[in-house]
Amino acid sequence: MRRISKVNVLSAYRLELEFDDGISGTVDLSESVGKGVFALWRDPLVFEQVHIGSSGELVWADQIDLCPDALYLKVTGKKPEDMFPPLRNQHTHA
C-alpha cells in the first residue's frame, strides 16, 4: 500500500501529490465536487483544508477520505494488477 507524503492544493480542485516512493503528480478532483459526500467541497475553502491522515490517505474534516492506492493509480496511470500482482491470476466468473 502506498502512502501520500505531501499534498499541495492547486487551483480548480486539483492536488499535487507526492507518494512515499518518490512518485509525484497531479490529480483533478473537480468532477466529484458537489456529488454525494463531496458536496462538502462546494466551498473551495473546505477543499483547501485537506490533510494527510494516519494511514497516508487524504482527509477532509474527518468526513471524506480518499484511498492513497486509488490516487496512486490515477497519478501513475497504472492498473490495479500492476500494484498488486496476485490480481493478475484472478479470474472473474459471470
Protein backbone atom coordinates (compact mmCIF):
# COMPACT_ATOMS: atom_id res chain seq x y z
CA MET A 1 0.00 0.00 0.00
CA ARG A 2 1.27 3.43 -0.94
CA ARG A 3 1.17 6.42 1.37
CA ILE A 4 0.89 10.07 0.45
CA SER A 5 3.78 12.01 1.93
CA LYS A 6 2.99 15.52 0.63
CA VAL A 7 -0.08 17.32 -0.68
CA ASN A 8 -0.28 20.77 -2.23
CA VAL A 9 -3.61 22.36 -3.19
CA LEU A 10 -3.72 23.80 -6.71
CA SER A 11 -6.47 25.78 -8.43
CA ALA A 12 -9.67 24.25 -9.84
CA TYR A 13 -9.91 21.36 -7.36
CA ARG A 14 -6.57 19.84 -8.30
CA LEU A 15 -3.97 18.45 -5.93
CA GLU A 16 -0.27 17.91 -6.37
CA LEU A 17 0.68 14.71 -4.55
CA GLU A 18 3.94 13.04 -3.60
CA PHE A 19 3.99 9.41 -2.50
CA ASP A 20 6.31 7.52 -0.19
CA ASP A 21 8.20 6.02 -3.16
CA GLY A 22 9.02 9.47 -4.59
CA ILE A 23 6.42 9.36 -7.37
CA SER A 24 4.58 12.67 -7.72
CA GLY A 25 1.85 14.07 -9.92
CA THR A 26 -1.39 15.96 -10.10
CA VAL A 27 -4.95 14.71 -9.67
CA ASP A 28 -8.04 16.60 -10.79
CA LEU A 29 -10.97 16.04 -8.43
CA SER A 30 -13.27 18.67 -9.97
CA GLU A 31 -15.70 16.10 -11.39
CA SER A 32 -16.61 14.95 -7.88
CA VAL A 33 -17.39 18.39 -6.44
CA GLY A 34 -20.97 18.64 -5.24
CA LYS A 35 -21.79 14.95 -5.71
CA GLY A 36 -22.83 12.90 -2.67
CA VAL A 37 -20.37 13.26 0.19
CA PHE A 38 -18.31 15.61 -1.99
CA ALA A 39 -20.96 18.32 -1.55
CA LEU A 40 -18.65 19.47 1.25
CA TRP A 41 -16.23 20.66 -1.44
CA ARG A 42 -18.68 23.20 -2.88
CA ASP A 43 -16.89 25.59 -0.56
CA PRO A 44 -13.37 25.90 -2.02
CA LEU A 45 -12.05 26.87 1.40
CA VAL A 46 -13.13 23.48 2.75
CA PHE A 47 -11.39 21.70 -0.14
CA GLU A 48 -8.19 23.57 0.69
CA GLN A 49 -8.25 22.15 4.24
CA VAL A 50 -7.10 18.72 3.03
CA HIS A 51 -4.57 16.92 5.20
CA ILE A 52 -2.81 13.58 5.23
CA GLY A 53 -4.31 11.00 7.58
CA SER A 54 -2.51 8.48 9.76
CA SER A 55 -2.58 5.82 7.01
CA GLY A 56 -1.30 8.13 4.28
CA GLU A 57 -4.76 8.89 2.92
CA LEU A 58 -6.21 12.32 2.14
CA VAL A 59 -8.76 13.58 4.68
CA TRP A 60 -11.20 16.49 4.80
CA ALA A 61 -12.77 17.41 8.14
CA ASP A 62 -12.95 13.74 9.18
CA GLN A 63 -15.87 13.44 6.73
CA ILE A 64 -14.13 12.46 3.50
CA ASP A 65 -11.09 10.30 2.97
CA LEU A 66 -9.52 9.15 -0.27
CA CYS A 67 -7.51 5.96 -0.61
CA PRO A 68 -3.83 6.57 -1.40
CA ASP A 69 -3.69 3.49 -3.66
CA ALA A 70 -6.55 4.78 -5.83
CA LEU A 71 -4.86 8.18 -6.11
CA TYR A 72 -1.53 6.49 -6.92
CA LEU A 73 -3.19 4.62 -9.80
CA LYS A 74 -4.67 7.90 -11.03
CA VAL A 75 -1.31 9.70 -10.90
CA THR A 76 0.72 6.90 -12.50
CA GLY A 77 -1.83 5.53 -14.96
CA LYS A 78 -1.12 2.04 -13.64
CA LYS A 79 -3.71 -0.71 -13.32
CA PRO A 80 -4.54 -2.40 -10.00
CA GLU A 81 -2.77 -5.59 -11.10
CA ASP A 82 0.44 -3.57 -11.62
CA MET A 83 0.45 -2.69 -7.93
CA PHE A 84 -0.97 -5.98 -6.71
CA PRO A 85 0.43 -8.79 -8.92
CA PRO A 86 -1.78 -11.54 -7.40
CA LEU A 87 -4.73 -9.84 -9.13
CA ARG A 88 -3.30 -10.96 -12.48
CA ASN A 89 -4.12 -14.55 -11.64
CA GLN A 90 -7.69 -13.85 -10.57
CA HIS A 91 -10.42 -14.96 -12.94
CA THR A 92 -13.83 -13.44 -12.92
CA HIS A 93 -16.88 -15.62 -13.33
CA ALA A 94 -20.23 -14.43 -14.52
